[in-house]
Amino acid sequence: MNTLKTAVLMALLTGILVAVGGVFGGRGGATIMLMVSLGINFFSYWYSDSIVLKAYDAREVTPTQAPDLYRMVENLAGNADLPMPKVYIIDTDVPNAFATGRNPAHAVVAVTTGIMKTLQYDELAGVVAHELSHIKHRDTLISTIVASIAGVISWIGNMAQWAAIFGMGRNENEEEGGGMLGMLFTIIVAPLAAMPIQMAIFRSREF
């Protein structure tokens, strides 16, 4: 049921994207925005892990550099029948941990020095196991796709707002896309609707 819920919500989010593309640019606009979304998803699929690790200034560790953490991840990954992910540490006092990577064979588990100091060994193992479950169920990929689609919807909304300000796109696109109501849908309703759907998908993957 949780998988079905995620699929339905993702279909709904994609439907909003198609509708927004149609309103803003007619049938051609819907097609173009779908292609843009696919391009963003493709880029996110291949490079999202390196982007987020670089943003956090994470450093990869070896069994020699962090033996306890590495052995913990190795044991938990083995129990879950997962390939051994790369292990990264982020030097910050903020307690946090996350998983990233496009699939289980190219996965990363990252923890902060803050969470390693705050939690006991078994507590940290519970956190790492949770992150490994995201890898096992490919939640990192789903979250990347969802965030990309929602980002495209917001981007189109911003474009439509500027187009309305400068009086662009009012000729044949108004008749095909629904005129002023369609523009209001693109600028206000669609981005506001995309956000709770995105959050609902994230919550379903956390569950």
N, C-alpha and C. Protein backbone atom coordinates (compact mmCIF):
# COMPACT_ATOMS: atom_id res chain seq x y z
N MET A 1 0.83 -1.21 0.00
CA MET A 1 0.00 0.00 0.00
C MET A 1 0.87 1.26 0.00
N ASN A 2 1.98 1.21 0.73
CA ASN A 2 2.86 2.38 0.76
C ASN A 2 3.49 2.62 -0.60
N THR A 3 3.88 1.54 -1.29
CA THR A 3 4.44 1.68 -2.64
C THR A 3 3.40 2.23 -3.59
N LEU A 4 2.15 1.74 -3.47
CA LEU A 4 1.06 2.25 -4.31
C LEU A 4 0.82 3.73 -4.04
N LYS A 5 0.85 4.11 -2.78
CA LYS A 5 0.66 5.52 -2.41
C LYS A 5 1.73 6.39 -3.06
N THR A 6 2.98 5.93 -3.00
CA THR A 6 4.07 6.69 -3.62
C THR A 6 3.87 6.83 -5.12
N ALA A 7 3.47 5.72 -5.77
CA ALA A 7 3.26 5.74 -7.22
C ALA A 7 2.14 6.70 -7.60
N VAL A 8 1.05 6.69 -6.84
CA VAL A 8 -0.08 7.57 -7.12
C VAL A 8 0.32 9.03 -6.95
N LEU A 9 1.03 9.33 -5.88
CA LEU A 9 1.46 10.70 -5.63
C LEU A 9 2.44 11.19 -6.71
N MET A 10 3.34 10.31 -7.13
CA MET A 10 4.27 10.70 -8.19
C MET A 10 3.55 10.93 -9.51
N ALA A 11 2.53 10.10 -9.79
CA ALA A 11 1.73 10.29 -11.00
C ALA A 11 0.98 11.62 -10.93
N LEU A 12 0.46 11.95 -9.74
CA LEU A 12 -0.25 13.22 -9.56
C LEU A 12 0.70 14.40 -9.76
N LEU A 13 1.90 14.29 -9.22
CA LEU A 13 2.88 15.37 -9.38
C LEU A 13 3.27 15.54 -10.85
N THR A 14 3.45 14.42 -11.54
CA THR A 14 3.76 14.48 -12.98
C THR A 14 2.60 15.08 -13.75
N GLY A 15 1.37 14.75 -13.34
CA GLY A 15 0.20 15.32 -13.99
C GLY A 15 0.14 16.83 -13.85
N ILE A 16 0.52 17.33 -12.68
CA ILE A 16 0.56 18.78 -12.47
C ILE A 16 1.60 19.40 -13.40
N LEU A 17 2.74 18.73 -13.54
CA LEU A 17 3.78 19.22 -14.44
C LEU A 17 3.27 19.32 -15.88
N VAL A 18 2.60 18.27 -16.34
CA VAL A 18 2.07 18.28 -17.70
C VAL A 18 1.03 19.38 -17.87
N ALA A 19 0.15 19.52 -16.87
CA ALA A 19 -0.89 20.55 -16.94
C ALA A 19 -0.28 21.94 -16.98
N VAL A 20 0.74 22.16 -16.15
CA VAL A 20 1.39 23.47 -16.11
C VAL A 20 2.07 23.76 -17.44
N GLY A 21 2.75 22.75 -18.00
CA GLY A 21 3.39 22.94 -19.30
C GLY A 21 2.38 23.26 -20.38
N GLY A 22 1.21 22.62 -20.30
CA GLY A 22 0.16 22.88 -21.28
C GLY A 22 -0.42 24.27 -21.16
N VAL A 23 -0.59 24.73 -19.92
CA VAL A 23 -1.14 26.08 -19.70
C VAL A 23 -0.17 27.13 -20.19
N PHE A 24 1.09 26.95 -19.87
CA PHE A 24 2.08 27.98 -20.17
C PHE A 24 2.49 27.98 -21.63
N GLY A 25 2.53 26.81 -22.26
CA GLY A 25 3.01 26.76 -23.63
C GLY A 25 2.19 25.91 -24.56
N GLY A 26 0.95 25.59 -24.19
CA GLY A 26 0.13 24.76 -25.05
C GLY A 26 0.65 23.33 -25.09
N ARG A 27 0.23 22.59 -26.09
CA ARG A 27 0.66 21.20 -26.20
C ARG A 27 2.16 21.09 -26.38
N GLY A 28 2.71 22.00 -27.16
CA GLY A 28 4.16 22.01 -27.34
C GLY A 28 4.88 22.29 -26.04
N GLY A 29 4.32 23.19 -25.23
CA GLY A 29 4.93 23.51 -23.95
C GLY A 29 4.93 22.32 -23.01
N ALA A 30 3.84 21.55 -23.00
CA ALA A 30 3.78 20.36 -22.16
C ALA A 30 4.85 19.37 -22.55
N THR A 31 5.03 19.19 -23.85
CA THR A 31 6.05 18.26 -24.33
C THR A 31 7.45 18.73 -23.97
N ILE A 32 7.69 20.03 -24.17
CA ILE A 32 9.00 20.58 -23.87
C ILE A 32 9.32 20.44 -22.39
N MET A 33 8.34 20.73 -21.52
CA MET A 33 8.60 20.67 -20.09
C MET A 33 8.83 19.23 -19.63
N LEU A 34 8.16 18.28 -20.26
CA LEU A 34 8.43 16.89 -19.93
C LEU A 34 9.86 16.52 -20.31
N MET A 35 10.31 17.02 -21.46
CA MET A 35 11.68 16.75 -21.88
C MET A 35 12.67 17.41 -20.93
N VAL A 36 12.36 18.62 -20.50
CA VAL A 36 13.22 19.30 -19.53
C VAL A 36 13.29 18.52 -18.23
N SER A 37 12.13 18.03 -17.79
CA SER A 37 12.08 17.25 -16.56
C SER A 37 12.91 15.98 -16.68
N LEU A 38 12.78 15.30 -17.82
CA LEU A 38 13.57 14.09 -18.03
C LEU A 38 15.07 14.40 -18.02
N GLY A 39 15.44 15.54 -18.63
CA GLY A 39 16.84 15.93 -18.63
C GLY A 39 17.36 16.19 -17.23
N ILE A 40 16.57 16.89 -16.42
CA ILE A 40 16.96 17.17 -15.04
C ILE A 40 17.08 15.88 -14.25
N ASN A 41 16.10 14.97 -14.45
CA ASN A 41 16.15 13.70 -13.74
C ASN A 41 17.38 12.89 -14.13
N PHE A 42 17.71 12.91 -15.42
CA PHE A 42 18.89 12.18 -15.88
C PHE A 42 20.14 12.73 -15.22
N PHE A 43 20.27 14.07 -15.17
CA PHE A 43 21.43 14.69 -14.53
C PHE A 43 21.46 14.36 -13.04
N SER A 44 20.29 14.44 -12.39
CA SER A 44 20.23 14.16 -10.95
C SER A 44 20.58 12.70 -10.67
N TYR A 45 20.12 11.80 -11.54
CA TYR A 45 20.38 10.37 -11.35
C TYR A 45 21.87 10.08 -11.32
N TRP A 46 22.63 10.73 -12.19
CA TRP A 46 24.05 10.43 -12.31
C TRP A 46 24.92 11.25 -11.38
N TYR A 47 24.50 12.47 -11.03
CA TYR A 47 25.41 13.38 -10.34
C TYR A 47 24.91 13.89 -8.99
N SER A 48 23.70 13.53 -8.57
CA SER A 48 23.17 14.09 -7.32
C SER A 48 24.03 13.72 -6.12
N ASP A 49 24.58 12.49 -6.09
CA ASP A 49 25.38 12.07 -4.95
C ASP A 49 26.65 12.90 -4.82
N SER A 50 27.36 13.10 -5.94
CA SER A 50 28.59 13.88 -5.88
C SER A 50 28.31 15.34 -5.53
N ILE A 51 27.17 15.86 -6.00
CA ILE A 51 26.81 17.24 -5.70
C ILE A 51 26.57 17.44 -4.21
N VAL A 52 25.78 16.55 -3.61
CA VAL A 52 25.44 16.71 -2.19
C VAL A 52 26.66 16.46 -1.31
N LEU A 53 27.52 15.50 -1.67
CA LEU A 53 28.72 15.24 -0.88
C LEU A 53 29.68 16.42 -0.94
N LYS A 54 29.79 17.03 -2.10
CA LYS A 54 30.65 18.19 -2.24
C LYS A 54 30.09 19.38 -1.47
N ALA A 55 28.75 19.52 -1.50
CA ALA A 55 28.12 20.63 -0.78
C ALA A 55 28.37 20.54 0.72
N TYR A 56 28.41 19.32 1.25
CA TYR A 56 28.64 19.12 2.68
C TYR A 56 30.13 18.97 3.02
N ASP A 57 30.98 19.04 2.01
CA ASP A 57 32.42 18.86 2.21
C ASP A 57 32.71 17.54 2.92
N ALA A 58 32.05 16.48 2.46
CA ALA A 58 32.20 15.16 3.07
C ALA A 58 33.49 14.51 2.59
N ARG A 59 34.09 13.70 3.44
CA ARG A 59 35.32 12.99 3.07
C ARG A 59 35.11 11.49 3.25
N GLU A 60 35.55 10.75 2.25
CA GLU A 60 35.42 9.29 2.31
C GLU A 60 36.45 8.73 3.30
N VAL A 61 36.04 7.71 4.06
CA VAL A 61 36.93 7.10 5.04
C VAL A 61 37.12 5.62 4.71
N THR A 62 38.24 5.10 5.14
CA THR A 62 38.60 3.70 4.93
C THR A 62 38.45 2.94 6.25
N PRO A 63 38.54 1.61 6.20
CA PRO A 63 38.47 0.83 7.46
C PRO A 63 39.57 1.22 8.44
N THR A 64 40.69 1.69 7.93
CA THR A 64 41.78 2.11 8.82
C THR A 64 41.48 3.44 9.48
N GLN A 65 40.85 4.35 8.75
CA GLN A 65 40.60 5.70 9.27
C GLN A 65 39.43 5.73 10.25
N ALA A 66 38.41 4.93 10.04
CA ALA A 66 37.24 4.90 10.92
C ALA A 66 36.78 3.45 11.08
N PRO A 67 37.55 2.64 11.81
CA PRO A 67 37.28 1.19 11.89
C PRO A 67 35.91 0.84 12.46
N ASP A 68 35.50 1.49 13.54
CA ASP A 68 34.21 1.16 14.16
C ASP A 68 33.04 1.49 13.24
N LEU A 69 33.06 2.68 12.67
CA LEU A 69 31.98 3.09 11.78
C LEU A 69 31.96 2.22 10.54
N TYR A 70 33.10 1.98 9.96
CA TYR A 70 33.16 1.19 8.72
C TYR A 70 32.66 -0.23 8.98
N ARG A 71 33.09 -0.83 10.08
CA ARG A 71 32.66 -2.19 10.41
C ARG A 71 31.15 -2.24 10.68
N MET A 72 30.63 -1.20 11.31
CA MET A 72 29.19 -1.12 11.55
C MET A 72 28.42 -1.11 10.25
N VAL A 73 28.80 -0.24 9.33
CA VAL A 73 28.13 -0.16 8.03
C VAL A 73 28.26 -1.47 7.27
N GLU A 74 29.44 -2.06 7.33
CA GLU A 74 29.69 -3.32 6.62
C GLU A 74 28.80 -4.43 7.14
N ASN A 75 28.66 -4.55 8.47
CA ASN A 75 27.83 -5.59 9.06
C ASN A 75 26.35 -5.38 8.74
N LEU A 76 25.90 -4.14 8.85
CA LEU A 76 24.50 -3.85 8.59
C LEU A 76 24.16 -4.05 7.11
N ALA A 77 25.05 -3.66 6.23
CA ALA A 77 24.83 -3.86 4.80
C ALA A 77 24.77 -5.35 4.48
N GLY A 78 25.63 -6.13 5.11
CA GLY A 78 25.60 -7.57 4.91
C GLY A 78 24.29 -8.19 5.39
N ASN A 79 23.81 -7.74 6.54
CA ASN A 79 22.53 -8.24 7.06
C ASN A 79 21.37 -7.91 6.14
N ALA A 80 21.47 -6.79 5.43
CA ALA A 80 20.40 -6.35 4.53
C ALA A 80 20.60 -6.85 3.10
N ASP A 81 21.62 -7.68 2.89
CA ASP A 81 21.94 -8.19 1.54
C ASP A 81 22.19 -7.05 0.56
N LEU A 82 22.92 -6.05 1.03
CA LEU A 82 23.27 -4.90 0.20
C LEU A 82 24.77 -4.90 -0.09
N PRO A 83 25.17 -4.38 -1.25
CA PRO A 83 26.60 -4.18 -1.48
C PRO A 83 27.13 -3.16 -0.47
N MET A 84 28.40 -3.28 -0.16
CA MET A 84 29.00 -2.35 0.78
C MET A 84 29.02 -0.94 0.20
N PRO A 85 28.31 0.00 0.83
CA PRO A 85 28.34 1.39 0.32
C PRO A 85 29.63 2.09 0.73
N LYS A 86 29.92 3.17 0.07
CA LYS A 86 31.02 4.02 0.49
C LYS A 86 30.62 4.73 1.78
N VAL A 87 31.58 4.98 2.63
CA VAL A 87 31.32 5.62 3.92
C VAL A 87 32.00 6.98 3.95
N TYR A 88 31.21 7.99 4.30
CA TYR A 88 31.73 9.36 4.36
C TYR A 88 31.47 9.95 5.74
N ILE A 89 32.36 10.83 6.14
CA ILE A 89 32.20 11.57 7.39
C ILE A 89 32.21 13.06 7.07
N ILE A 90 31.30 13.80 7.74
CA ILE A 90 31.20 15.25 7.57
C ILE A 90 31.62 15.90 8.88
N ASP A 91 32.58 16.78 8.84
CA ASP A 91 33.09 17.43 10.05
C ASP A 91 32.20 18.60 10.44
N THR A 92 31.22 18.31 11.26
CA THR A 92 30.32 19.33 11.81
C THR A 92 29.71 18.81 13.11
N ASP A 93 29.41 19.73 14.01
CA ASP A 93 28.80 19.34 15.28
C ASP A 93 27.31 19.03 15.15
N VAL A 94 26.72 19.37 14.02
CA VAL A 94 25.29 19.12 13.81
C VAL A 94 25.07 17.61 13.66
N PRO A 95 24.24 17.00 14.50
CA PRO A 95 23.99 15.55 14.38
C PRO A 95 23.11 15.24 13.17
N ASN A 96 23.67 14.52 12.22
CA ASN A 96 22.92 14.23 11.00
C ASN A 96 23.51 13.00 10.32
N ALA A 97 22.71 12.37 9.49
CA ALA A 97 23.15 11.24 8.67
C ALA A 97 22.24 11.15 7.47
N PHE A 98 22.77 10.71 6.34
CA PHE A 98 21.94 10.55 5.16
C PHE A 98 22.56 9.53 4.23
N ALA A 99 21.75 9.04 3.32
CA ALA A 99 22.20 8.13 2.28
C ALA A 99 21.98 8.80 0.94
N THR A 100 22.81 8.49 -0.02
CA THR A 100 22.66 9.01 -1.36
C THR A 100 23.22 8.00 -2.34
N GLY A 101 23.07 8.28 -3.62
CA GLY A 101 23.53 7.35 -4.64
C GLY A 101 22.38 6.89 -5.51
N ARG A 102 22.69 6.58 -6.79
CA ARG A 102 21.64 6.29 -7.75
C ARG A 102 21.07 4.87 -7.61
N ASN A 103 21.80 3.95 -6.98
CA ASN A 103 21.32 2.59 -6.78
C ASN A 103 22.16 1.93 -5.70
N PRO A 104 21.77 0.73 -5.23
CA PRO A 104 22.53 0.08 -4.15
C PRO A 104 23.98 -0.19 -4.50
N ALA A 105 24.29 -0.37 -5.78
CA ALA A 105 25.67 -0.64 -6.18
C ALA A 105 26.54 0.62 -6.17
N HIS A 106 25.92 1.78 -6.15
CA HIS A 106 26.65 3.05 -6.14
C HIS A 106 26.13 3.94 -5.01
N ALA A 107 26.07 3.38 -3.82
CA ALA A 107 25.46 4.07 -2.68
C ALA A 107 26.52 4.63 -1.74
N VAL A 108 26.08 5.60 -0.97
CA VAL A 108 26.93 6.27 0.00
C VAL A 108 26.15 6.45 1.29
N VAL A 109 26.80 6.20 2.41
CA VAL A 109 26.25 6.53 3.72
C VAL A 109 27.17 7.57 4.34
N ALA A 110 26.59 8.69 4.75
CA ALA A 110 27.37 9.76 5.34
C ALA A 110 26.85 10.09 6.73
N VAL A 111 27.75 10.27 7.66
CA VAL A 111 27.39 10.67 9.02
C VAL A 111 28.26 11.84 9.43
N THR A 112 27.76 12.64 10.34
CA THR A 112 28.53 13.77 10.84
C THR A 112 29.30 13.37 12.09
N THR A 113 30.35 14.12 12.36
CA THR A 113 31.08 13.88 13.61
C THR A 113 30.20 14.20 14.81
N GLY A 114 29.24 15.11 14.62
CA GLY A 114 28.33 15.46 15.71
C GLY A 114 27.46 14.30 16.14
N ILE A 115 26.92 13.54 15.18
CA ILE A 115 26.06 12.41 15.54
C ILE A 115 26.88 11.26 16.10
N MET A 116 28.13 11.14 15.67
CA MET A 116 28.99 10.10 16.20
C MET A 116 29.34 10.37 17.66
N LYS A 117 29.43 11.65 18.03
CA LYS A 117 29.72 12.01 19.42
C LYS A 117 28.47 11.93 20.29
N THR A 118 27.32 12.21 19.70
CA THR A 118 26.07 12.31 20.47
C THR A 118 25.48 10.95 20.81
N LEU A 119 25.50 10.02 19.85
CA LEU A 119 24.83 8.74 20.02
C LEU A 119 25.79 7.65 20.47
N GLN A 120 25.24 6.69 21.21
CA GLN A 120 25.99 5.51 21.55
C GLN A 120 26.05 4.59 20.32
N TYR A 121 26.88 3.56 20.41
CA TYR A 121 27.14 2.70 19.26
C TYR A 121 25.86 2.08 18.71
N ASP A 122 25.02 1.52 19.58
CA ASP A 122 23.79 0.86 19.10
C ASP A 122 22.78 1.86 18.57
N GLU A 123 22.77 3.07 19.13
CA GLU A 123 21.89 4.11 18.62
C GLU A 123 22.31 4.55 17.22
N LEU A 124 23.61 4.73 17.04
CA LEU A 124 24.12 5.11 15.73
C LEU A 124 23.87 3.99 14.72
N ALA A 125 23.97 2.75 15.16
CA ALA A 125 23.68 1.61 14.28
C ALA A 125 22.23 1.65 13.80
N GLY A 126 21.32 2.07 14.68
CA GLY A 126 19.91 2.20 14.28
C GLY A 126 19.73 3.26 13.22
N VAL A 127 20.44 4.37 13.37
CA VAL A 127 20.37 5.45 12.37
C VAL A 127 20.94 4.97 11.03
N VAL A 128 22.09 4.31 11.08
CA VAL A 128 22.72 3.83 9.85
C VAL A 128 21.83 2.79 9.18
N ALA A 129 21.22 1.92 9.97
CA ALA A 129 20.31 0.91 9.40
C ALA A 129 19.13 1.58 8.69
N HIS A 130 18.64 2.65 9.27
CA HIS A 130 17.55 3.41 8.64
C HIS A 130 18.00 3.95 7.29
N GLU A 131 19.20 4.51 7.24
CA GLU A 131 19.70 5.05 5.98
C GLU A 131 19.93 3.93 4.96
N LEU A 132 20.38 2.78 5.40
CA LEU A 132 20.56 1.65 4.49
C LEU A 132 19.21 1.18 3.93
N SER A 133 18.15 1.32 4.72
CA SER A 133 16.82 0.93 4.22
C SER A 133 16.40 1.85 3.08
N HIS A 134 16.81 3.12 3.13
CA HIS A 134 16.54 4.03 2.02
C HIS A 134 17.26 3.54 0.75
N ILE A 135 18.48 3.07 0.92
CA ILE A 135 19.22 2.55 -0.22
C ILE A 135 18.54 1.30 -0.77
N LYS A 136 18.13 0.40 0.11
CA LYS A 136 17.53 -0.86 -0.31
C LYS A 136 16.24 -0.64 -1.09
N HIS A 137 15.45 0.35 -0.67
CA HIS A 137 14.18 0.64 -1.33
C HIS A 137 14.29 1.73 -2.39
N ARG A 138 15.51 2.13 -2.72
CA ARG A 138 15.79 3.12 -3.76
C ARG A 138 15.08 4.46 -3.48
N ASP A 139 14.96 4.78 -2.21
CA ASP A 139 14.31 6.04 -1.84
C ASP A 139 15.13 7.25 -2.27
N THR A 140 16.45 7.09 -2.33
CA THR A 140 17.29 8.22 -2.74
C THR A 140 16.99 8.60 -4.18
N LEU A 141 16.78 7.61 -5.03
CA LEU A 141 16.45 7.90 -6.43
C LEU A 141 15.06 8.53 -6.53
N ILE A 142 14.08 7.96 -5.81
CA ILE A 142 12.72 8.49 -5.85
C ILE A 142 12.70 9.94 -5.37
N SER A 143 13.39 10.21 -4.29
CA SER A 143 13.41 11.57 -3.74
C SER A 143 14.04 12.56 -4.72
N THR A 144 15.09 12.11 -5.43
CA THR A 144 15.73 12.99 -6.41
C THR A 144 14.78 13.31 -7.55
N ILE A 145 14.08 12.31 -8.05
CA ILE A 145 13.14 12.52 -9.14
C ILE A 145 12.02 13.46 -8.71
N VAL A 146 11.46 13.21 -7.53
CA VAL A 146 10.36 14.03 -7.03
C VAL A 146 10.80 15.48 -6.84
N ALA A 147 11.96 15.67 -6.24
CA ALA A 147 12.46 17.03 -6.04
C ALA A 147 12.69 17.73 -7.37
N SER A 148 13.15 16.99 -8.36
CA SER A 148 13.39 17.58 -9.68
C SER A 148 12.09 18.02 -10.33
N ILE A 149 11.07 17.16 -10.29
CA ILE A 149 9.77 17.50 -10.89
C ILE A 149 9.16 18.72 -10.19
N ALA A 150 9.19 18.70 -8.86
CA ALA A 150 8.64 19.84 -8.12
C ALA A 150 9.42 21.12 -8.43
N GLY A 151 10.73 20.99 -8.61
CA GLY A 151 11.53 22.15 -8.96
C GLY A 151 11.18 22.71 -10.33
N VAL A 152 10.90 21.82 -11.28
CA VAL A 152 10.51 22.26 -12.61
C VAL A 152 9.17 22.99 -12.55
N ILE A 153 8.23 22.49 -11.75
CA ILE A 153 6.93 23.13 -11.61
C ILE A 153 7.09 24.55 -11.06
N SER A 154 7.93 24.70 -10.04
CA SER A 154 8.17 26.03 -9.48
C SER A 154 8.86 26.94 -10.49
N TRP A 155 9.78 26.36 -11.27
CA TRP A 155 10.49 27.13 -12.30
C TRP A 155 9.52 27.65 -13.35
N ILE A 156 8.60 26.77 -13.80
CA ILE A 156 7.62 27.20 -14.79
C ILE A 156 6.72 28.29 -14.21
N GLY A 157 6.35 28.14 -12.93
CA GLY A 157 5.53 29.14 -12.28
C GLY A 157 6.21 30.50 -12.27
N ASN A 158 7.52 30.50 -11.99
CA ASN A 158 8.26 31.76 -12.01
C ASN A 158 8.32 32.35 -13.41
N MET A 159 8.51 31.50 -14.41
CA MET A 159 8.52 31.97 -15.80
C MET A 159 7.18 32.57 -16.18
N ALA A 160 6.10 31.90 -15.76
CA ALA A 160 4.76 32.40 -16.07
C ALA A 160 4.50 33.73 -15.40
N GLN A 161 5.02 33.89 -14.20
CA GLN A 161 4.85 35.16 -13.48
C GLN A 161 5.51 36.31 -14.23
N TRP A 162 6.73 36.09 -14.69
CA TRP A 162 7.42 37.14 -15.45
C TRP A 162 6.74 37.37 -16.80
N ALA A 163 6.25 36.29 -17.40
CA ALA A 163 5.55 36.43 -18.67
C ALA A 163 4.29 37.28 -18.49
N ALA A 164 3.57 37.07 -17.37
CA ALA A 164 2.37 37.85 -17.12
C ALA A 164 2.71 39.32 -16.88
N ILE A 165 3.82 39.56 -16.18
CA ILE A 165 4.22 40.94 -15.89
C ILE A 165 4.53 41.70 -17.17
N PHE A 166 5.22 41.04 -18.09
CA PHE A 166 5.65 41.70 -19.31
C PHE A 166 4.71 41.45 -20.49
N GLY A 167 3.56 40.82 -20.21
CA GLY A 167 2.56 40.64 -21.25
C GLY A 167 2.92 39.66 -22.32
N MET A 168 3.73 38.65 -21.98
CA MET A 168 4.14 37.67 -22.98
C MET A 168 3.19 36.48 -22.97
N GLY A 169 3.11 35.76 -24.08
CA GLY A 169 2.36 34.51 -24.17
C GLY A 169 0.87 34.67 -24.05
N ARG A 170 0.29 35.78 -24.61
CA ARG A 170 -1.15 36.01 -24.45
C ARG A 170 -1.95 35.73 -25.71
N ASN A 171 -1.32 35.32 -26.75
CA ASN A 171 -2.05 35.14 -28.00
C ASN A 171 -2.68 33.76 -28.09
N GLU A 172 -2.14 32.89 -28.94
CA GLU A 172 -2.74 31.57 -29.10
C GLU A 172 -2.61 30.73 -27.85
N ASN A 173 -1.56 30.96 -27.03
CA ASN A 173 -1.38 30.16 -25.83
C ASN A 173 -2.46 30.43 -24.80
N GLU A 174 -3.02 31.65 -24.79
CA GLU A 174 -4.10 31.95 -23.85
C GLU A 174 -5.32 31.13 -24.16
N GLU A 175 -5.66 31.04 -25.46
CA GLU A 175 -6.84 30.29 -25.84
C GLU A 175 -6.64 28.80 -25.61
N GLU A 176 -5.43 28.30 -25.90
CA GLU A 176 -5.18 26.88 -25.76
C GLU A 176 -4.99 26.48 -24.31
N GLY A 177 -4.40 27.36 -23.51
CA GLY A 177 -4.08 27.00 -22.14
C GLY A 177 -5.09 27.43 -21.11
N GLY A 178 -6.07 28.26 -21.46
CA GLY A 178 -7.08 28.63 -20.50
C GLY A 178 -7.02 30.07 -20.06
N GLY A 179 -6.22 30.92 -20.71
CA GLY A 179 -6.21 32.34 -20.42
C GLY A 179 -5.76 32.67 -19.02
N MET A 180 -6.44 33.66 -18.41
CA MET A 180 -6.05 34.16 -17.11
C MET A 180 -6.14 33.10 -16.02
N LEU A 181 -7.18 32.27 -16.06
CA LEU A 181 -7.32 31.21 -15.05
C LEU A 181 -6.16 30.22 -15.15
N GLY A 182 -5.79 29.90 -16.39
CA GLY A 182 -4.66 29.00 -16.58
C GLY A 182 -3.37 29.59 -16.06
N MET A 183 -3.19 30.90 -16.28
CA MET A 183 -1.99 31.57 -15.80
C MET A 183 -1.95 31.59 -14.27
N LEU A 184 -3.09 31.85 -13.64
CA LEU A 184 -3.16 31.83 -12.17
C LEU A 184 -2.87 30.44 -11.63
N PHE A 185 -3.37 29.42 -12.34
CA PHE A 185 -3.08 28.04 -11.94
C PHE A 185 -1.58 27.77 -12.00
N THR A 186 -0.94 28.25 -13.05
CA THR A 186 0.49 28.01 -13.24
C THR A 186 1.32 28.74 -12.20
N ILE A 187 0.93 29.99 -11.89
CA ILE A 187 1.74 30.83 -11.01
C ILE A 187 1.52 30.50 -9.54
N ILE A 188 0.25 30.22 -9.16
CA ILE A 188 -0.08 30.09 -7.73
C ILE A 188 -0.44 28.66 -7.34
N VAL A 189 -1.44 28.10 -8.00
CA VAL A 189 -2.01 26.82 -7.55
C VAL A 189 -1.03 25.67 -7.70
N ALA A 190 -0.41 25.55 -8.88
CA ALA A 190 0.46 24.41 -9.16
C ALA A 190 1.65 24.32 -8.19
N PRO A 191 2.42 25.41 -7.99
CA PRO A 191 3.54 25.31 -7.04
C PRO A 191 3.09 24.99 -5.61
N LEU A 192 1.95 25.59 -5.20
CA LEU A 192 1.43 25.32 -3.86
C LEU A 192 0.96 23.87 -3.73
N ALA A 193 0.40 23.32 -4.80
CA ALA A 193 -0.06 21.93 -4.77
C ALA A 193 1.11 20.96 -4.82
N ALA A 194 2.16 21.32 -5.54
CA ALA A 194 3.32 20.43 -5.68
C ALA A 194 4.04 20.22 -4.37
N MET A 195 4.10 21.24 -3.52
CA MET A 195 4.86 21.14 -2.28
C MET A 195 4.30 20.07 -1.33
N PRO A 196 2.98 20.08 -0.99
CA PRO A 196 2.49 19.04 -0.08
C PRO A 196 2.56 17.64 -0.69
N ILE A 197 2.42 17.53 -2.02
CA ILE A 197 2.58 16.22 -2.66
C ILE A 197 4.01 15.74 -2.50
N GLN A 198 4.96 16.63 -2.72
CA GLN A 198 6.37 16.28 -2.54
C GLN A 198 6.64 15.84 -1.11
N MET A 199 6.12 16.58 -0.13
CA MET A 199 6.32 16.22 1.26
C MET A 199 5.64 14.89 1.61
N ALA A 200 4.47 14.64 1.02
CA ALA A 200 3.76 13.38 1.27
C ALA A 200 4.56 12.20 0.73
N ILE A 201 5.19 12.36 -0.42
CA ILE A 201 6.03 11.29 -0.98
C ILE A 201 7.23 11.06 -0.08
N PHE A 202 7.85 12.12 0.39
CA PHE A 202 8.99 11.97 1.30
C PHE A 202 8.57 11.23 2.57
N ARG A 203 7.40 11.58 3.11
CA ARG A 203 6.92 10.92 4.33
C ARG A 203 6.64 9.44 4.07
N SER A 204 6.09 9.13 2.90
CA SER A 204 5.80 7.73 2.60
C SER A 204 7.08 6.92 2.46
N ARG A 205 8.13 7.54 1.93
CA ARG A 205 9.41 6.83 1.82
C ARG A 205 10.07 6.69 3.19
N GLU A 206 9.91 7.68 4.05
CA GLU A 206 10.43 7.56 5.41
C GLU A 206 9.73 6.42 6.16
N PHE A 207 8.41 6.29 5.93
CA PHE A 207 7.65 5.22 6.57
C PHE A 207 8.15 3.85 6.09
